[in-house]
Amino acid sequence: MTQGATAVGIDRAEVRRVHEVVRPHVRRTPVVQVERGALAAAPVTLKLEQLQRSGSFKVRGAFANLLLRDVPPAGVIAASGGNHGVAVAFAAHELGVRAQIFVPTVSAAAKVERIRRLGAELVVTGERYSDALVAAEEAAARSGALPVHAFDQRETVLGQATLGLELAEQAPEIDTVLVPVGGGGLIAGIAAYLGGTVRVVGVEPTGAPTLTMARAHGGPVDAPTGSVAADALAPRRIGELVFPLTQAHVHDVVLVDDAAIVDAQRALWDELRLVAEPAAAVAVAAVRTGAYRIGQEERVAVVVSGANTVPPRP
């Protein structure tokens, strides 16, 4: 393996090239140091990706797809629990591309409304992401539009990997990064870039343990999809493309329950005045509850991945 290369053909040099492509269209989100006791028993560094354009990290992969692939006149089609749909609609609007977005009924109203406002054609169908995905794939086959997968697409992973590149530049001292996991595109991208230099730990809801079950079975399998974070972290199974990347570079995966997720969401607001959707708070929940125990002198970063929600009530 060449220097800087990772498993499954994702190369750090390629991530850097993709970063140059998407950089004019995405925000370099800040990091903030949080003192001991504010969110956890130890200090943590937060990567504030909820401040990203479109409201989540997903816009990185959306722009990577639309800028690196040939987009036909029919435009693009995406299935999403919500954030990926907002991101693709946002990128398509900015680049002047037609977009059709399929979301399930479980999608948060705030995300559905943002997709509508961005001018994409919205189709609400099925109860879960997997239902919307089937409908989107059928529509793409009929129309000739370019499917933009939420996580299991090389360009998507490369786009999400740019978050890892930024974090390495902004917080080079970290030992460990905790990352929310749904379909696996974000953690695969971060692990592809940081693996071997930083411990990468996934965090999932107990009600949607896609990567946990895949690791137990040696490959992607259907998992439950019931969680307060189901609109973003419950795609039924981890991606076929991303799973080998996680196997090669993700150190561990921990689980947090819905009560811990809601508590972390409230703590982000109460302590830091940060709005985060439930899916974005799972990694904070892990350090608050001890699902991930921070070692003495260990320097931990936590990705807060999105804020497409309504602000918490006092």
Protein backbone atom coordinates (compact mmCIF):
# COMPACT_ATOMS: atom_id res chain seq x y z
CA MET A 1 0.00 0.00 0.00
CA THR A 2 1.41 3.40 -0.95
CA GLN A 3 2.09 6.06 1.65
CA GLY A 4 -1.10 7.91 2.50
CA ALA A 5 -3.35 5.19 1.02
CA THR A 6 -6.16 3.50 2.91
CA ALA A 7 -8.36 0.45 2.40
CA VAL A 8 -10.79 0.13 -0.51
CA GLY A 9 -9.00 2.62 -2.71
CA ILE A 10 -9.64 5.78 -0.67
CA ASP A 11 -6.40 7.73 -0.71
CA ARG A 12 -5.55 10.74 1.46
CA ALA A 13 -4.17 12.56 -1.56
CA GLU A 14 -7.50 12.01 -3.32
CA VAL A 15 -9.37 13.37 -0.31
CA ARG A 16 -7.19 16.48 -0.48
CA ARG A 17 -8.02 16.87 -4.18
CA VAL A 18 -11.74 16.51 -3.51
CA HIS A 19 -11.44 19.04 -0.72
CA GLU A 20 -10.11 21.58 -3.22
CA VAL A 21 -13.11 20.87 -5.48
CA VAL A 22 -15.80 21.27 -2.81
CA ARG A 23 -14.09 23.93 -0.69
CA PRO A 24 -15.66 26.91 -2.52
CA HIS A 25 -19.11 25.48 -1.78
CA VAL A 26 -18.84 24.28 1.82
CA ARG A 27 -18.09 25.97 5.11
CA ARG A 28 -14.95 25.20 7.13
CA THR A 29 -16.85 24.62 10.34
CA PRO A 30 -15.19 25.61 13.61
CA VAL A 31 -13.97 23.51 16.50
CA VAL A 32 -14.50 24.54 20.09
CA GLN A 33 -12.79 23.34 23.27
CA VAL A 34 -15.29 22.47 26.00
CA GLU A 35 -14.05 22.42 29.57
CA ARG A 36 -14.34 19.48 31.96
CA GLY A 37 -17.79 19.17 33.44
CA ALA A 38 -19.72 21.15 30.84
CA LEU A 39 -20.65 18.12 28.75
CA ALA A 40 -18.57 15.29 30.16
CA ALA A 41 -16.25 14.39 33.02
CA ALA A 42 -13.28 15.33 30.84
CA PRO A 43 -12.56 18.13 28.36
CA VAL A 44 -13.68 17.48 24.78
CA THR A 45 -13.23 19.18 21.42
CA LEU A 46 -16.41 19.64 19.37
CA LYS A 47 -16.38 19.80 15.57
CA LEU A 48 -19.41 22.00 14.92
CA GLU A 49 -20.64 20.56 11.67
CA GLN A 50 -24.20 21.55 12.51
CA LEU A 51 -23.08 25.01 11.36
CA GLN A 52 -22.40 23.62 7.88
CA ARG A 53 -24.29 24.96 4.87
CA SER A 54 -27.61 23.10 4.53
CA GLY A 55 -27.44 22.34 8.25
CA SER A 56 -25.34 19.16 8.22
CA PHE A 57 -22.16 17.44 7.03
CA LYS A 58 -24.14 15.87 4.18
CA VAL A 59 -23.56 18.87 1.92
CA ARG A 60 -19.91 17.81 1.54
CA GLY A 61 -20.91 14.55 -0.14
CA ALA A 62 -23.68 16.21 -2.12
CA PHE A 63 -21.34 18.73 -3.74
CA ALA A 64 -18.72 16.03 -4.32
CA ASN A 65 -21.26 14.01 -6.31
CA LEU A 66 -22.57 16.91 -8.38
CA LEU A 67 -19.11 18.31 -9.13
CA LEU A 68 -17.20 15.07 -9.76
CA ARG A 69 -19.81 13.09 -11.73
CA ASP A 70 -21.53 13.83 -15.04
CA VAL A 71 -25.02 15.12 -14.31
CA PRO A 72 -27.52 14.38 -17.11
CA PRO A 73 -30.21 16.84 -18.26
CA ALA A 74 -32.72 14.92 -16.13
CA GLY A 75 -30.80 16.08 -13.06
CA VAL A 76 -30.29 14.14 -9.85
CA ILE A 77 -32.39 11.91 -7.61
CA ALA A 78 -31.74 11.15 -3.96
CA ALA A 79 -33.40 9.16 -1.21
CA SER A 80 -32.94 10.46 2.29
CA GLY A 81 -34.11 10.39 5.86
CA GLY A 82 -33.87 14.16 5.59
CA ASN A 83 -30.38 15.66 5.83
CA HIS A 84 -29.02 14.13 2.62
CA GLY A 85 -32.14 15.31 0.81
CA VAL A 86 -31.66 18.85 2.12
CA ALA A 87 -27.99 18.72 1.11
CA VAL A 88 -28.65 17.47 -2.43
CA ALA A 89 -31.46 19.98 -2.88
CA PHE A 90 -29.14 22.74 -1.65
CA ALA A 91 -26.26 21.73 -3.94
CA ALA A 92 -28.60 21.32 -6.91
CA HIS A 93 -30.14 24.75 -6.27
CA GLU A 94 -26.72 26.41 -6.08
CA LEU A 95 -25.44 24.65 -9.23
CA GLY A 96 -28.64 25.04 -11.25
CA VAL A 97 -29.43 21.32 -11.43
CA ARG A 98 -32.86 19.67 -11.32
CA ALA A 99 -33.39 17.56 -8.20
CA GLN A 100 -36.01 15.08 -7.06
CA ILE A 101 -35.85 14.02 -3.41
CA PHE A 102 -37.59 10.97 -1.90
CA VAL A 103 -38.11 10.93 1.88
CA PRO A 104 -40.06 8.61 4.20
CA THR A 105 -42.90 9.68 6.44
CA VAL A 106 -40.58 9.54 9.47
CA SER A 107 -38.57 12.52 8.17
CA ALA A 108 -38.57 15.54 10.45
CA ALA A 109 -40.89 18.33 9.37
CA ALA A 110 -38.02 20.86 9.53
CA LYS A 111 -36.06 18.85 6.96
CA VAL A 112 -39.02 18.32 4.65
CA GLU A 113 -39.80 22.03 4.69
CA ARG A 114 -36.19 22.94 3.85
CA ILE A 115 -36.22 20.59 0.84
CA ARG A 116 -39.41 22.26 -0.41
CA ARG A 117 -37.99 25.76 0.05
CA LEU A 118 -34.90 24.85 -1.96
CA GLY A 119 -37.05 24.10 -4.99
CA ALA A 120 -36.51 20.36 -5.34
CA GLU A 121 -39.37 18.08 -6.31
CA LEU A 122 -40.29 16.32 -3.08
CA VAL A 123 -41.81 12.83 -2.88
CA VAL A 124 -42.85 11.51 0.55
CA THR A 125 -43.21 7.74 0.43
CA GLY A 126 -42.87 4.74 2.74
CA GLU A 127 -42.28 4.55 6.46
CA ARG A 128 -38.46 4.33 6.49
CA TYR A 129 -35.42 5.37 4.46
CA SER A 130 -35.20 1.94 2.83
CA ASP A 131 -38.69 2.43 1.35
CA ALA A 132 -37.77 5.85 -0.05
CA LEU A 133 -34.57 4.38 -1.50
CA VAL A 134 -36.44 1.74 -3.49
CA ALA A 135 -38.82 4.37 -4.88
CA ALA A 136 -35.92 6.67 -5.78
CA GLU A 137 -34.03 3.90 -7.59
CA GLU A 138 -37.12 3.02 -9.62
CA ALA A 139 -37.66 6.68 -10.54
CA ALA A 140 -34.02 7.09 -11.57
CA ALA A 141 -34.27 4.06 -13.85
CA ARG A 142 -37.32 5.59 -15.56
CA SER A 143 -36.04 9.15 -15.89
CA GLY A 144 -32.31 8.75 -16.46
CA ALA A 145 -31.51 11.09 -13.58
CA LEU A 146 -28.27 10.56 -11.64
CA PRO A 147 -28.80 8.74 -8.32
CA VAL A 148 -26.90 10.35 -5.46
CA HIS A 149 -26.64 7.83 -2.65
CA ALA A 150 -26.70 9.11 0.91
CA PHE A 151 -23.71 7.03 2.03
CA ASP A 152 -22.82 4.06 -0.18
CA GLN A 153 -21.21 5.98 -3.07
CA ARG A 154 -17.51 6.64 -3.53
CA GLU A 155 -17.96 10.36 -4.16
CA THR A 156 -20.18 10.65 -1.10
CA VAL A 157 -17.51 9.07 1.10
CA LEU A 158 -14.80 11.27 -0.39
CA GLY A 159 -16.88 14.36 0.32
CA GLN A 160 -17.51 13.36 3.93
CA ALA A 161 -13.80 12.56 4.32
CA THR A 162 -13.05 16.26 3.94
CA LEU A 163 -14.43 16.71 7.46
CA GLY A 164 -11.65 14.44 8.71
CA LEU A 165 -9.09 16.48 6.79
CA GLU A 166 -10.33 19.71 8.39
CA LEU A 167 -10.34 18.19 11.87
CA ALA A 168 -6.76 17.00 11.45
CA GLU A 169 -5.72 20.54 10.59
CA GLN A 170 -7.79 22.23 13.30
CA ALA A 171 -7.09 19.84 16.19
CA PRO A 172 -3.88 17.91 15.39
CA GLU A 173 -3.45 17.00 19.06
CA ILE A 174 -6.49 14.71 19.30
CA ASP A 175 -6.11 11.00 20.05
CA THR A 176 -9.70 9.91 19.41
CA VAL A 177 -12.71 11.11 17.44
CA LEU A 178 -16.29 10.01 18.13
CA VAL A 179 -18.58 9.96 15.10
CA PRO A 180 -22.36 9.38 14.73
CA VAL A 181 -23.19 6.35 12.56
CA GLY A 182 -26.20 5.73 10.33
CA GLY A 183 -25.42 4.31 6.91
CA GLY A 184 -21.71 4.78 7.53
CA GLY A 185 -20.69 7.39 4.96
CA LEU A 186 -19.43 9.90 7.51
CA ILE A 187 -17.49 7.49 9.69
CA ALA A 188 -16.07 5.72 6.62
CA GLY A 189 -14.83 9.01 5.21
CA ILE A 190 -13.35 10.20 8.49
CA ALA A 191 -11.79 6.80 9.13
CA ALA A 192 -10.36 6.70 5.61
CA TYR A 193 -8.53 9.95 6.23
CA LEU A 194 -7.64 9.68 9.92
CA GLY A 195 -7.34 5.91 10.35
CA GLY A 196 -3.92 4.89 11.60
CA THR A 197 -3.27 8.30 13.15
CA VAL A 198 -6.37 8.81 15.34
CA ARG A 199 -8.68 6.29 17.02
CA VAL A 200 -12.06 6.47 15.29
CA VAL A 201 -15.07 5.35 17.37
CA GLY A 202 -18.61 5.10 16.07
CA VAL A 203 -21.69 5.91 18.14
CA GLU A 204 -25.15 4.53 17.35
CA PRO A 205 -28.58 4.54 18.96
CA THR A 206 -29.48 1.25 20.63
CA GLY A 207 -32.62 1.29 18.48
CA ALA A 208 -30.68 1.52 15.21
CA PRO A 209 -27.40 -0.43 15.60
CA THR A 210 -26.48 -0.81 11.92
CA LEU A 211 -22.69 -0.94 12.27
CA THR A 212 -22.78 -2.84 15.56
CA MET A 213 -24.81 -5.64 13.98
CA ALA A 214 -22.71 -5.65 10.81
CA ARG A 215 -19.53 -6.09 12.85
CA ALA A 216 -21.12 -8.90 14.82
CA HIS A 217 -22.17 -10.72 11.63
CA GLY A 218 -19.10 -9.95 9.55
CA GLY A 219 -21.02 -7.90 6.99
CA PRO A 220 -24.05 -5.64 6.45
CA VAL A 221 -27.32 -7.07 7.78
CA ASP A 222 -30.75 -5.60 8.44
CA ALA A 223 -30.97 -3.84 11.81
CA PRO A 224 -33.84 -2.32 13.78
CA THR A 225 -34.82 1.23 12.82
CA GLY A 226 -36.51 2.49 15.98
CA SER A 227 -34.94 5.52 17.64
CA VAL A 228 -35.52 9.19 18.36
CA ALA A 229 -32.77 9.66 15.73
CA ALA A 230 -34.42 7.37 13.17
CA ASP A 231 -34.80 10.06 10.51
CA ALA A 232 -31.01 10.32 10.22
CA LEU A 233 -29.43 7.23 11.78
CA ALA A 234 -31.67 4.34 10.76
CA PRO A 235 -31.10 3.27 7.14
CA ARG A 236 -31.72 -0.41 8.06
CA ARG A 237 -28.21 -1.57 7.14
CA ILE A 238 -24.68 -0.25 6.82
CA GLY A 239 -23.42 0.35 3.28
CA GLU A 240 -21.67 -2.39 1.33
CA LEU A 241 -18.98 0.03 0.13
CA VAL A 242 -18.38 1.70 3.47
CA PHE A 243 -18.34 -1.41 5.68
CA PRO A 244 -14.81 -2.55 4.66
CA LEU A 245 -13.52 0.94 5.41
CA THR A 246 -15.01 0.80 8.88
CA GLN A 247 -13.57 -2.67 9.44
CA ALA A 248 -10.11 -1.45 8.49
CA HIS A 249 -10.05 1.79 10.45
CA VAL A 250 -12.83 2.06 13.07
CA HIS A 251 -11.53 1.05 16.48
CA ASP A 252 -14.86 0.47 18.21
CA VAL A 253 -18.60 1.19 18.14
CA VAL A 254 -20.65 2.07 21.22
CA LEU A 255 -24.39 2.40 21.77
CA VAL A 256 -26.51 5.03 23.52
CA ASP A 257 -30.22 4.94 24.27
CA ASP A 258 -32.84 7.52 23.36
CA ALA A 259 -32.93 9.06 26.85
CA ALA A 260 -29.19 9.71 26.67
CA ILE A 261 -29.53 11.21 23.19
CA VAL A 262 -32.24 13.64 24.30
CA ASP A 263 -30.23 14.53 27.40
CA ALA A 264 -27.16 15.29 25.25
CA GLN A 265 -29.26 17.39 22.88
CA ARG A 266 -30.53 19.44 25.83
CA ALA A 267 -27.05 19.73 27.35
CA LEU A 268 -25.64 21.15 24.13
CA TRP A 269 -28.30 23.84 24.30
CA ASP A 270 -28.20 24.47 28.06
CA GLU A 271 -24.42 24.59 28.39
CA LEU A 272 -23.29 25.94 25.02
CA ARG A 273 -26.41 27.30 23.31
CA LEU A 274 -25.86 24.90 20.42
CA VAL A 275 -28.86 23.51 18.54
CA ALA A 276 -28.33 19.91 17.43
CA GLU A 277 -30.77 17.36 16.07
CA PRO A 278 -30.97 14.04 17.96
CA ALA A 279 -28.73 12.20 15.49
CA ALA A 280 -26.07 14.87 15.90
CA ALA A 281 -26.04 14.47 19.68
CA VAL A 282 -25.32 10.73 19.88
CA ALA A 283 -21.56 11.12 20.19
CA VAL A 284 -22.00 13.70 22.94
CA ALA A 285 -24.32 11.22 24.65
CA ALA A 286 -21.53 8.63 24.58
CA VAL A 287 -19.11 10.79 26.57
CA ARG A 288 -21.83 12.04 28.94
CA THR A 289 -23.02 8.56 29.89
CA GLY A 290 -19.66 6.81 29.90
CA ALA A 291 -20.64 4.57 26.99
CA TYR A 292 -17.27 5.80 25.82
CA ARG A 293 -14.92 6.31 28.77
CA ILE A 294 -12.32 8.98 28.14
CA GLY A 295 -8.91 7.86 29.36
CA GLN A 296 -6.63 9.93 31.55
CA GLU A 297 -4.85 12.50 29.36
CA GLU A 298 -6.80 11.26 26.30
CA ARG A 299 -7.73 14.08 23.94
CA VAL A 300 -11.14 13.43 22.43
CA ALA A 301 -12.99 15.15 19.59
CA VAL A 302 -16.73 14.75 19.06
CA VAL A 303 -18.51 15.42 15.78
CA VAL A 304 -21.81 17.31 16.12
CA SER A 305 -23.16 16.46 12.71
CA GLY A 306 -26.32 18.46 12.03
CA ALA A 307 -29.00 20.89 13.21
CA ASN A 308 -31.99 20.42 10.91
CA THR A 309 -34.50 20.53 13.72
CA VAL A 310 -36.48 23.03 15.72
CA PRO A 311 -34.70 24.70 18.68
CA PRO A 312 -35.33 23.04 22.06
CA ARG A 313 -37.95 24.59 24.29
CA PRO A 314 -36.81 26.16 27.57
